[in-house]
Amino acid sequence: MMKKSALFGFILLATATPALVHAEPAPTIQSERAAHPNLVHALEAMKAALADMERAPHDFGGNKVQAMADTRQAIHSLKRALYYRLKLDDAALDKAE
């Protein structure tokens, strides 16, 4: 019986160890940004567009406000896509760069 217990323990350890050794590191904001540079570029372009709209002196017949709201929503949606593996809530997404 002792041999069976020892053998079972060895098999359990041998099969569990590779999973522990080769486990993927937990994703971070930095790792997701590094892995998806095109999304980061798009995010930065949308932020720049929003800043340009904010500085525009005209309201463009009331359309500027809606365009800015749509752009803010698009930025939020893109952050949700970029950081989906992090499972961030809306408040954390809004704070993420």
PDB file of N, CA and C in Angstrom:
ATOM      1  N   MET A   1       0.823  -1.187   0.000  1.00  0.00           N
ATOM      2  CA  MET A   1       0.000   0.000   0.000  1.00  0.00           C
ATOM      3  C   MET A   1       0.870   1.255   0.000  1.00  0.00           C
ATOM      4  N   MET A   2       1.972   1.184   0.720  1.00  0.00           N
ATOM      5  CA  MET A   2       2.878   2.334   0.781  1.00  0.00           C
ATOM      6  C   MET A   2       3.456   2.632  -0.592  1.00  0.00           C
ATOM      7  N   LYS A   3       3.753   1.590  -1.370  1.00  0.00           N
ATOM      8  CA  LYS A   3       4.305   1.797  -2.703  1.00  0.00           C
ATOM      9  C   LYS A   3       3.289   2.483  -3.605  1.00  0.00           C
ATOM     10  N   LYS A   4       2.009   2.085  -3.495  1.00  0.00           N
ATOM     11  CA  LYS A   4       0.970   2.707  -4.313  1.00  0.00           C
ATOM     12  C   LYS A   4       0.818   4.187  -3.963  1.00  0.00           C
ATOM     13  N   SER A   5       0.860   4.532  -2.694  1.00  0.00           N
ATOM     14  CA  SER A   5       0.735   5.928  -2.269  1.00  0.00           C
ATOM     15  C   SER A   5       1.910   6.750  -2.769  1.00  0.00           C
ATOM     16  N   ALA A   6       3.095   6.182  -2.646  1.00  0.00           N
ATOM     17  CA  ALA A   6       4.287   6.893  -3.110  1.00  0.00           C
ATOM     18  C   ALA A   6       4.248   7.069  -4.624  1.00  0.00           C
ATOM     19  N   LEU A   7       3.849   6.033  -5.342  1.00  0.00           N
ATOM     20  CA  LEU A   7       3.763   6.102  -6.793  1.00  0.00           C
ATOM     21  C   LEU A   7       2.712   7.126  -7.223  1.00  0.00           C
ATOM     22  N   PHE A   8       1.558   7.115  -6.556  1.00  0.00           N
ATOM     23  CA  PHE A   8       0.507   8.074  -6.869  1.00  0.00           C
ATOM     24  C   PHE A   8       1.000   9.504  -6.611  1.00  0.00           C
ATOM     25  N   GLY A   9       1.679   9.718  -5.500  1.00  0.00           N
ATOM     26  CA  GLY A   9       2.223  11.034  -5.176  1.00  0.00           C
ATOM     27  C   GLY A   9       3.224  11.493  -6.214  1.00  0.00           C
ATOM     28  N   PHE A  10       4.075  10.590  -6.664  1.00  0.00           N
ATOM     29  CA  PHE A  10       5.065  10.914  -7.679  1.00  0.00           C
ATOM     30  C   PHE A  10       4.382  11.286  -8.993  1.00  0.00           C
ATOM     31  N   ILE A  11       3.401  10.494  -9.399  1.00  0.00           N
ATOM     32  CA  ILE A  11       2.684  10.760 -10.653  1.00  0.00           C
ATOM     33  C   ILE A  11       1.962  12.102 -10.565  1.00  0.00           C
ATOM     34  N   LEU A  12       1.323  12.347  -9.452  1.00  0.00           N
ATOM     35  CA  LEU A  12       0.619  13.610  -9.266  1.00  0.00           C
ATOM     36  C   LEU A  12       1.579  14.793  -9.351  1.00  0.00           C
ATOM     37  N   LEU A  13       2.714  14.683  -8.696  1.00  0.00           N
ATOM     38  CA  LEU A  13       3.714  15.748  -8.720  1.00  0.00           C
ATOM     39  C   LEU A  13       4.281  15.929 -10.124  1.00  0.00           C
ATOM     40  N   ALA A  14       4.566  14.834 -10.797  1.00  0.00           N
ATOM     41  CA  ALA A  14       5.151  14.898 -12.135  1.00  0.00           C
ATOM     42  C   ALA A  14       4.191  15.525 -13.140  1.00  0.00           C
ATOM     43  N   THR A  15       2.908  15.251 -13.007  1.00  0.00           N
ATOM     44  CA  THR A  15       1.951  15.815 -13.967  1.00  0.00           C
ATOM     45  C   THR A  15       1.583  17.251 -13.632  1.00  0.00           C
ATOM     46  N   ALA A  16       1.646  17.634 -12.384  1.00  0.00           N
ATOM     47  CA  ALA A  16       1.279  18.995 -11.989  1.00  0.00           C
ATOM     48  C   ALA A  16       2.419  19.976 -12.210  1.00  0.00           C
ATOM     49  N   THR A  17       3.647  19.532 -12.088  1.00  0.00           N
ATOM     50  CA  THR A  17       4.801  20.416 -12.180  1.00  0.00           C
ATOM     51  C   THR A  17       4.913  21.116 -13.532  1.00  0.00           C
ATOM     52  N   PRO A  18       4.764  20.436 -14.681  1.00  0.00           N
ATOM     53  CA  PRO A  18       4.876  21.166 -15.942  1.00  0.00           C
ATOM     54  C   PRO A  18       3.857  22.291 -16.072  1.00  0.00           C
ATOM     55  N   ALA A  19       2.659  22.095 -15.561  1.00  0.00           N
ATOM     56  CA  ALA A  19       1.654  23.150 -15.639  1.00  0.00           C
ATOM     57  C   ALA A  19       2.079  24.357 -14.810  1.00  0.00           C
ATOM     58  N   LEU A  20       2.718  24.113 -13.701  1.00  0.00           N
ATOM     59  CA  LEU A  20       3.166  25.215 -12.861  1.00  0.00           C
ATOM     60  C   LEU A  20       4.354  25.934 -13.482  1.00  0.00           C
ATOM     61  N   VAL A  21       5.237  25.187 -14.083  1.00  0.00           N
ATOM     62  CA  VAL A  21       6.440  25.763 -14.672  1.00  0.00           C
ATOM     63  C   VAL A  21       6.113  26.590 -15.912  1.00  0.00           C
ATOM     64  N   HIS A  22       5.158  26.143 -16.714  1.00  0.00           N
ATOM     65  CA  HIS A  22       4.857  26.792 -17.985  1.00  0.00           C
ATOM     66  C   HIS A  22       3.619  27.673 -17.932  1.00  0.00           C
ATOM     67  N   ALA A  23       3.169  28.025 -16.764  1.00  0.00           N
ATOM     68  CA  ALA A  23       1.977  28.870 -16.644  1.00  0.00           C
ATOM     69  C   ALA A  23       2.261  30.259 -17.215  1.00  0.00           C
ATOM     70  N   GLU A  24       1.274  30.788 -17.926  1.00  0.00           N
ATOM     71  CA  GLU A  24       1.394  32.130 -18.481  1.00  0.00           C
ATOM     72  C   GLU A  24       1.311  33.153 -17.353  1.00  0.00           C
ATOM     73  N   PRO A  25       2.108  34.210 -17.429  1.00  0.00           N
ATOM     74  CA  PRO A  25       1.979  35.257 -16.408  1.00  0.00           C
ATOM     75  C   PRO A  25       0.635  35.962 -16.564  1.00  0.00           C
ATOM     76  N   ALA A  26       0.133  36.485 -15.479  1.00  0.00           N
ATOM     77  CA  ALA A  26      -1.133  37.215 -15.524  1.00  0.00           C
ATOM     78  C   ALA A  26      -0.969  38.455 -16.406  1.00  0.00           C
ATOM     79  N   PRO A  27      -1.960  38.725 -17.258  1.00  0.00           N
ATOM     80  CA  PRO A  27      -1.849  39.908 -18.123  1.00  0.00           C
ATOM     81  C   PRO A  27      -1.919  41.196 -17.303  1.00  0.00           C
ATOM     82  N   THR A  28      -1.245  42.213 -17.809  1.00  0.00           N
ATOM     83  CA  THR A  28      -1.264  43.546 -17.191  1.00  0.00           C
ATOM     84  C   THR A  28      -1.626  44.563 -18.270  1.00  0.00           C
ATOM     85  N   ILE A  29      -1.894  45.767 -17.851  1.00  0.00           N
ATOM     86  CA  ILE A  29      -2.163  46.824 -18.823  1.00  0.00           C
ATOM     87  C   ILE A  29      -0.975  46.962 -19.773  1.00  0.00           C
ATOM     88  N   GLN A  30       0.222  46.939 -19.208  1.00  0.00           N
ATOM     89  CA  GLN A  30       1.425  47.092 -20.036  1.00  0.00           C
ATOM     90  C   GLN A  30       1.585  45.932 -21.018  1.00  0.00           C
ATOM     91  N   SER A  31       1.334  44.702 -20.566  1.00  0.00           N
ATOM     92  CA  SER A  31       1.506  43.555 -21.468  1.00  0.00           C
ATOM     93  C   SER A  31       0.453  43.552 -22.577  1.00  0.00           C
ATOM     94  N   GLU A  32      -0.758  43.975 -22.257  1.00  0.00           N
ATOM     95  CA  GLU A  32      -1.801  44.036 -23.283  1.00  0.00           C
ATOM     96  C   GLU A  32      -1.483  45.128 -24.301  1.00  0.00           C
ATOM     97  N   ARG A  33      -0.989  46.265 -23.835  1.00  0.00           N
ATOM     98  CA  ARG A  33      -0.617  47.337 -24.755  1.00  0.00           C
ATOM     99  C   ARG A  33       0.531  46.892 -25.664  1.00  0.00           C
ATOM    100  N   ALA A  34       1.492  46.182 -25.095  1.00  0.00           N
ATOM    101  CA  ALA A  34       2.626  45.706 -25.888  1.00  0.00           C
ATOM    102  C   ALA A  34       2.197  44.654 -26.913  1.00  0.00           C
ATOM    103  N   ALA A  35       1.218  43.858 -26.556  1.00  0.00           N
ATOM    104  CA  ALA A  35       0.764  42.784 -27.442  1.00  0.00           C
ATOM    105  C   ALA A  35      -0.125  43.288 -28.577  1.00  0.00           C
ATOM    106  N   HIS A  36      -0.712  44.475 -28.419  1.00  0.00           N
ATOM    107  CA  HIS A  36      -1.674  44.974 -29.405  1.00  0.00           C
ATOM    108  C   HIS A  36      -1.391  46.431 -29.786  1.00  0.00           C
ATOM    109  N   PRO A  37      -0.254  46.670 -30.434  1.00  0.00           N
ATOM    110  CA  PRO A  37       0.131  48.054 -30.747  1.00  0.00           C
ATOM    111  C   PRO A  37      -0.841  48.768 -31.687  1.00  0.00           C
ATOM    112  N   ASN A  38      -1.510  48.045 -32.571  1.00  0.00           N
ATOM    113  CA  ASN A  38      -2.465  48.699 -33.476  1.00  0.00           C
ATOM    114  C   ASN A  38      -3.653  49.269 -32.706  1.00  0.00           C
ATOM    115  N   LEU A  39      -4.130  48.540 -31.706  1.00  0.00           N
ATOM    116  CA  LEU A  39      -5.226  49.054 -30.889  1.00  0.00           C
ATOM    117  C   LEU A  39      -4.769  50.266 -30.078  1.00  0.00           C
ATOM    118  N   VAL A  40      -3.548  50.212 -29.586  1.00  0.00           N
ATOM    119  CA  VAL A  40      -3.007  51.345 -28.826  1.00  0.00           C
ATOM    120  C   VAL A  40      -2.912  52.576 -29.742  1.00  0.00           C
ATOM    121  N   HIS A  41      -2.450  52.374 -30.965  1.00  0.00           N
ATOM    122  CA  HIS A  41      -2.354  53.481 -31.922  1.00  0.00           C
ATOM    123  C   HIS A  41      -3.741  54.072 -32.196  1.00  0.00           C
ATOM    124  N   ALA A  42      -4.730  53.216 -32.398  1.00  0.00           N
ATOM    125  CA  ALA A  42      -6.097  53.688 -32.644  1.00  0.00           C
ATOM    126  C   ALA A  42      -6.632  54.449 -31.437  1.00  0.00           C
ATOM    127  N   LEU A  43      -6.343  53.954 -30.248  1.00  0.00           N
ATOM    128  CA  LEU A  43      -6.788  54.614 -29.015  1.00  0.00           C
ATOM    129  C   LEU A  43      -6.175  56.008 -28.898  1.00  0.00           C
ATOM    130  N   GLU A  44      -4.889  56.114 -29.173  1.00  0.00           N
ATOM    131  CA  GLU A  44      -4.216  57.410 -29.101  1.00  0.00           C
ATOM    132  C   GLU A  44      -4.759  58.370 -30.163  1.00  0.00           C
ATOM    133  N   ALA A  45      -5.086  57.851 -31.344  1.00  0.00           N
ATOM    134  CA  ALA A  45      -5.650  58.697 -32.406  1.00  0.00           C
ATOM    135  C   ALA A  45      -7.023  59.225 -31.999  1.00  0.00           C
ATOM    136  N   MET A  46      -7.830  58.384 -31.372  1.00  0.00           N
ATOM    137  CA  MET A  46      -9.152  58.834 -30.924  1.00  0.00           C
ATOM    138  C   MET A  46      -9.034  59.877 -29.813  1.00  0.00           C
ATOM    139  N   LYS A  47      -8.087  59.688 -28.911  1.00  0.00           N
ATOM    140  CA  LYS A  47      -7.874  60.680 -27.846  1.00  0.00           C
ATOM    141  C   LYS A  47      -7.438  62.015 -28.442  1.00  0.00           C
ATOM    142  N   ALA A  48      -6.573  61.961 -29.450  1.00  0.00           N
ATOM    143  CA  ALA A  48      -6.132  63.194 -30.107  1.00  0.00           C
ATOM    144  C   ALA A  48      -7.294  63.868 -30.827  1.00  0.00           C
ATOM    145  N   ALA A  49      -8.142  63.077 -31.469  1.00  0.00           N
ATOM    146  CA  ALA A  49      -9.307  63.634 -32.162  1.00  0.00           C
ATOM    147  C   ALA A  49     -10.250  64.298 -31.156  1.00  0.00           C
ATOM    148  N   LEU A  50     -10.445  63.675 -30.019  1.00  0.00           N
ATOM    149  CA  LEU A  50     -11.301  64.258 -28.985  1.00  0.00           C
ATOM    150  C   LEU A  50     -10.722  65.581 -28.493  1.00  0.00           C
ATOM    151  N   ALA A  51      -9.424  65.627 -28.283  1.00  0.00           N
ATOM    152  CA  ALA A  51      -8.777  66.874 -27.850  1.00  0.00           C
ATOM    153  C   ALA A  51      -8.938  67.960 -28.910  1.00  0.00           C
ATOM    154  N   ASP A  52      -8.827  67.585 -30.191  1.00  0.00           N
ATOM    155  CA  ASP A  52      -9.028  68.561 -31.270  1.00  0.00           C
ATOM    156  C   ASP A  52     -10.454  69.101 -31.256  1.00  0.00           C
ATOM    157  N   MET A  53     -11.423  68.235 -31.055  1.00  0.00           N
ATOM    158  CA  MET A  53     -12.822  68.680 -31.002  1.00  0.00           C
ATOM    159  C   MET A  53     -13.061  69.609 -29.817  1.00  0.00           C
ATOM    160  N   GLU A  54     -12.468  69.278 -28.684  1.00  0.00           N
ATOM    161  CA  GLU A  54     -12.640  70.112 -27.490  1.00  0.00           C
ATOM    162  C   GLU A  54     -12.092  71.517 -27.713  1.00  0.00           C
ATOM    163  N   ARG A  55     -11.013  71.624 -28.482  1.00  0.00           N
ATOM    164  CA  ARG A  55     -10.399  72.934 -28.751  1.00  0.00           C
ATOM    165  C   ARG A  55     -11.088  73.698 -29.875  1.00  0.00           C
ATOM    166  N   ALA A  56     -11.918  73.027 -30.643  1.00  0.00           N
ATOM    167  CA  ALA A  56     -12.576  73.692 -31.773  1.00  0.00           C
ATOM    168  C   ALA A  56     -13.480  74.809 -31.264  1.00  0.00           C
ATOM    169  N   PRO A  57     -13.382  75.994 -31.856  1.00  0.00           N
ATOM    170  CA  PRO A  57     -14.126  77.145 -31.334  1.00  0.00           C
ATOM    171  C   PRO A  57     -15.606  77.140 -31.707  1.00  0.00           C
ATOM    172  N   HIS A  58     -16.010  76.319 -32.616  1.00  0.00           N
ATOM    173  CA  HIS A  58     -17.370  76.341 -33.124  1.00  0.00           C
ATOM    174  C   HIS A  58     -18.106  75.099 -32.636  1.00  0.00           C
ATOM    175  N   ASP A  59     -19.443  75.186 -32.535  1.00  0.00           N
ATOM    176  CA  ASP A  59     -20.209  74.004 -32.102  1.00  0.00           C
ATOM    177  C   ASP A  59     -20.760  73.207 -33.286  1.00  0.00           C
ATOM    178  N   PHE A  60     -20.527  73.692 -34.494  1.00  0.00           N
ATOM    179  CA  PHE A  60     -20.903  73.001 -35.724  1.00  0.00           C
ATOM    180  C   PHE A  60     -22.373  72.599 -35.730  1.00  0.00           C
ATOM    181  N   GLY A  61     -23.199  73.587 -35.447  1.00  0.00           N
ATOM    182  CA  GLY A  61     -24.647  73.365 -35.479  1.00  0.00           C
ATOM    183  C   GLY A  61     -25.129  72.390 -34.424  1.00  0.00           C
ATOM    184  N   GLY A  62     -24.394  72.299 -33.324  1.00  0.00           N
ATOM    185  CA  GLY A  62     -24.773  71.383 -32.248  1.00  0.00           C
ATOM    186  C   GLY A  62     -24.239  69.973 -32.435  1.00  0.00           C
ATOM    187  N   ASN A  63     -23.587  69.712 -33.536  1.00  0.00           N
ATOM    188  CA  ASN A  63     -23.085  68.362 -33.821  1.00  0.00           C
ATOM    189  C   ASN A  63     -21.797  68.026 -33.079  1.00  0.00           C
ATOM    190  N   LYS A  64     -21.067  69.039 -32.660  1.00  0.00           N
ATOM    191  CA  LYS A  64     -19.802  68.818 -31.959  1.00  0.00           C
ATOM    192  C   LYS A  64     -20.027  68.047 -30.658  1.00  0.00           C
ATOM    193  N   VAL A  65     -21.053  68.399 -29.912  1.00  0.00           N
ATOM    194  CA  VAL A  65     -21.323  67.737 -28.633  1.00  0.00           C
ATOM    195  C   VAL A  65     -21.582  66.253 -28.849  1.00  0.00           C
ATOM    196  N   GLN A  66     -22.399  65.912 -29.849  1.00  0.00           N
ATOM    197  CA  GLN A  66     -22.693  64.499 -30.120  1.00  0.00           C
ATOM    198  C   GLN A  66     -21.442  63.761 -30.606  1.00  0.00           C
ATOM    199  N   ALA A  67     -20.657  64.409 -31.457  1.00  0.00           N
ATOM    200  CA  ALA A  67     -19.427  63.782 -31.953  1.00  0.00           C
ATOM    201  C   ALA A  67     -18.461  63.497 -30.803  1.00  0.00           C
ATOM    202  N   MET A  68     -18.378  64.420 -29.860  1.00  0.00           N
ATOM    203  CA  MET A  68     -17.498  64.213 -28.707  1.00  0.00           C
ATOM    204  C   MET A  68     -18.011  63.066 -27.834  1.00  0.00           C
ATOM    205  N   ALA A  69     -19.308  63.003 -27.617  1.00  0.00           N
ATOM    206  CA  ALA A  69     -19.882  61.912 -26.825  1.00  0.00           C
ATOM    207  C   ALA A  69     -19.642  60.569 -27.520  1.00  0.00           C
ATOM    208  N   ASP A  70     -19.833  60.527 -28.827  1.00  0.00           N
ATOM    209  CA  ASP A  70     -19.597  59.291 -29.583  1.00  0.00           C
ATOM    210  C   ASP A  70     -18.134  58.869 -29.512  1.00  0.00           C
ATOM    211  N   THR A  71     -17.234  59.844 -29.584  1.00  0.00           N
ATOM    212  CA  THR A  71     -15.804  59.543 -29.516  1.00  0.00           C
ATOM    213  C   THR A  71     -15.424  59.023 -28.134  1.00  0.00           C
ATOM    214  N   ARG A  72     -15.984  59.623 -27.093  1.00  0.00           N
ATOM    215  CA  ARG A  72     -15.726  59.115 -25.727  1.00  0.00           C
ATOM    216  C   ARG A  72     -16.208  57.666 -25.596  1.00  0.00           C
ATOM    217  N   GLN A  73     -17.375  57.375 -26.162  1.00  0.00           N
ATOM    218  CA  GLN A  73     -17.905  56.002 -26.112  1.00  0.00           C
ATOM    219  C   GLN A  73     -17.008  55.055 -26.912  1.00  0.00           C
ATOM    220  N   ALA A  74     -16.526  55.512 -28.046  1.00  0.00           N
ATOM    221  CA  ALA A  74     -15.631  54.680 -28.863  1.00  0.00           C
ATOM    222  C   ALA A  74     -14.326  54.402 -28.125  1.00  0.00           C
ATOM    223  N   ILE A  75     -13.805  55.396 -27.427  1.00  0.00           N
ATOM    224  CA  ILE A  75     -12.587  55.208 -26.626  1.00  0.00           C
ATOM    225  C   ILE A  75     -12.843  54.170 -25.544  1.00  0.00           C
ATOM    226  N   HIS A  76     -13.964  54.268 -24.870  1.00  0.00           N
ATOM    227  CA  HIS A  76     -14.312  53.306 -23.819  1.00  0.00           C
ATOM    228  C   HIS A  76     -14.443  51.898 -24.403  1.00  0.00           C
ATOM    229  N   SER A  77     -15.108  51.778 -25.544  1.00  0.00           N
ATOM    230  CA  SER A  77     -15.290  50.469 -26.182  1.00  0.00           C
ATOM    231  C   SER A  77     -13.959  49.865 -26.614  1.00  0.00           C
ATOM    232  N   LEU A  78     -13.081  50.698 -27.145  1.00  0.00           N
ATOM    233  CA  LEU A  78     -11.776  50.196 -27.561  1.00  0.00           C
ATOM    234  C   LEU A  78     -10.951  49.754 -26.363  1.00  0.00           C
ATOM    235  N   LYS A  79     -11.029  50.492 -25.254  1.00  0.00           N
ATOM    236  CA  LYS A  79     -10.338  50.061 -24.035  1.00  0.00           C
ATOM    237  C   LYS A  79     -10.899  48.723 -23.553  1.00  0.00           C
ATOM    238  N   ARG A  80     -12.222  48.556 -23.642  1.00  0.00           N
ATOM    239  CA  ARG A  80     -12.840  47.291 -23.244  1.00  0.00           C
ATOM    240  C   ARG A  80     -12.262  46.144 -24.094  1.00  0.00           C
ATOM    241  N   ALA A  81     -12.091  46.380 -25.380  1.00  0.00           N
ATOM    242  CA  ALA A  81     -11.514  45.359 -26.265  1.00  0.00           C
ATOM    243  C   ALA A  81     -10.048  45.091 -25.917  1.00  0.00           C
ATOM    244  N   LEU A  82      -9.281  46.160 -25.763  1.00  0.00           N
ATOM    245  CA  LEU A  82      -7.848  46.031 -25.497  1.00  0.00           C
ATOM    246  C   LEU A  82      -7.563  45.325 -24.184  1.00  0.00           C
ATOM    247  N   TYR A  83      -8.337  45.639 -23.160  1.00  0.00           N
ATOM    248  CA  TYR A  83      -8.052  45.120 -21.820  1.00  0.00           C
ATOM    249  C   TYR A  83      -9.049  44.046 -21.370  1.00  0.00           C
ATOM    250  N   TYR A  84      -9.730  43.381 -22.310  1.00  0.00           N
ATOM    251  CA  TYR A  84     -10.784  42.448 -21.922  1.00  0.00           C
ATOM    252  C   TYR A  84     -10.280  41.328 -21.024  1.00  0.00           C
ATOM    253  N   ARG A  85      -9.041  40.880 -21.215  1.00  0.00           N
ATOM    254  CA  ARG A  85      -8.523  39.778 -20.385  1.00  0.00           C
ATOM    255  C   ARG A  85      -8.282  40.206 -18.942  1.00  0.00           C
ATOM    256  N   LEU A  86      -8.238  41.496 -18.690  1.00  0.00           N
ATOM    257  CA  LEU A  86      -8.015  41.991 -17.329  1.00  0.00           C
ATOM    258  C   LEU A  86      -9.303  42.053 -16.520  1.00  0.00           C
ATOM    259  N   LYS A  87     -10.445  41.942 -17.206  1.00  0.00           N
ATOM    260  CA  LYS A  87     -11.762  41.967 -16.547  1.00  0.00           C
ATOM    261  C   LYS A  87     -11.951  43.207 -15.667  1.00  0.00           C
ATOM    262  N   LEU A  88     -11.654  44.367 -16.249  1.00  0.00           N
ATOM    263  CA  LEU A  88     -11.792  45.626 -15.526  1.00  0.00           C
ATOM    264  C   LEU A  88     -13.237  46.119 -15.566  1.00  0.00           C
ATOM    265  N   ASP A  89     -13.675  46.748 -14.483  1.00  0.00           N
ATOM    266  CA  ASP A  89     -14.992  47.372 -14.500  1.00  0.00           C
ATOM    267  C   ASP A  89     -14.899  48.718 -15.225  1.00  0.00           C
ATOM    268  N   ASP A  90     -16.051  49.358 -15.440  1.00  0.00           N
ATOM    269  CA  ASP A  90     -16.075  50.600 -16.210  1.00  0.00           C
ATOM    270  C   ASP A  90     -15.210  51.695 -15.604  1.00  0.00           C
ATOM    271  N   ALA A  91     -15.238  51.822 -14.280  1.00  0.00           N
ATOM    272  CA  ALA A  91     -14.434  52.861 -13.631  1.00  0.00           C
ATOM    273  C   ALA A  91     -12.941  52.616 -13.847  1.00  0.00           C
ATOM    274  N   ALA A  92     -12.516  51.378 -13.746  1.00  0.00           N
ATOM    275  CA  ALA A  92     -11.102  51.050 -13.967  1.00  0.00           C
ATOM    276  C   ALA A  92     -10.732  51.248 -15.436  1.00  0.00           C
ATOM    277  N   LEU A  93     -11.641  50.903 -16.349  1.00  0.00           N
ATOM    278  CA  LEU A  93     -11.374  51.119 -17.774  1.00  0.00           C
ATOM    279  C   LEU A  93     -11.183  52.596 -18.073  1.00  0.00           C
ATOM    280  N   ASP A  94     -12.010  53.436 -17.468  1.00  0.00           N
ATOM    281  CA  ASP A  94     -11.897  54.868 -17.710  1.00  0.00           C
ATOM    282  C   ASP A  94     -10.578  55.434 -17.200  1.00  0.00           C
ATOM    283  N   LYS A  95     -10.026  54.839 -16.148  1.00  0.00           N
ATOM    284  CA  LYS A  95      -8.748  55.296 -15.596  1.00  0.00           C
ATOM    285  C   LYS A  95      -7.557  54.739 -16.360  1.00  0.00           C
ATOM    286  N   ALA A  96      -7.743  53.612 -17.037  1.00  0.00           N
ATOM    287  CA  ALA A  96      -6.629  52.965 -17.762  1.00  0.00           C
ATOM    288  C   ALA A  96      -6.217  53.839 -18.939  1.00  0.00           C
ATOM    289  N   GLU A  97      -4.941  53.862 -19.195  1.00  0.00           N
ATOM    290  CA  GLU A  97      -4.416  54.644 -20.336  1.00  0.00           C
ATOM    291  C   GLU A  97      -4.534  53.888 -21.605  1.00  0.00           C
TER     292      GLU A  97
END
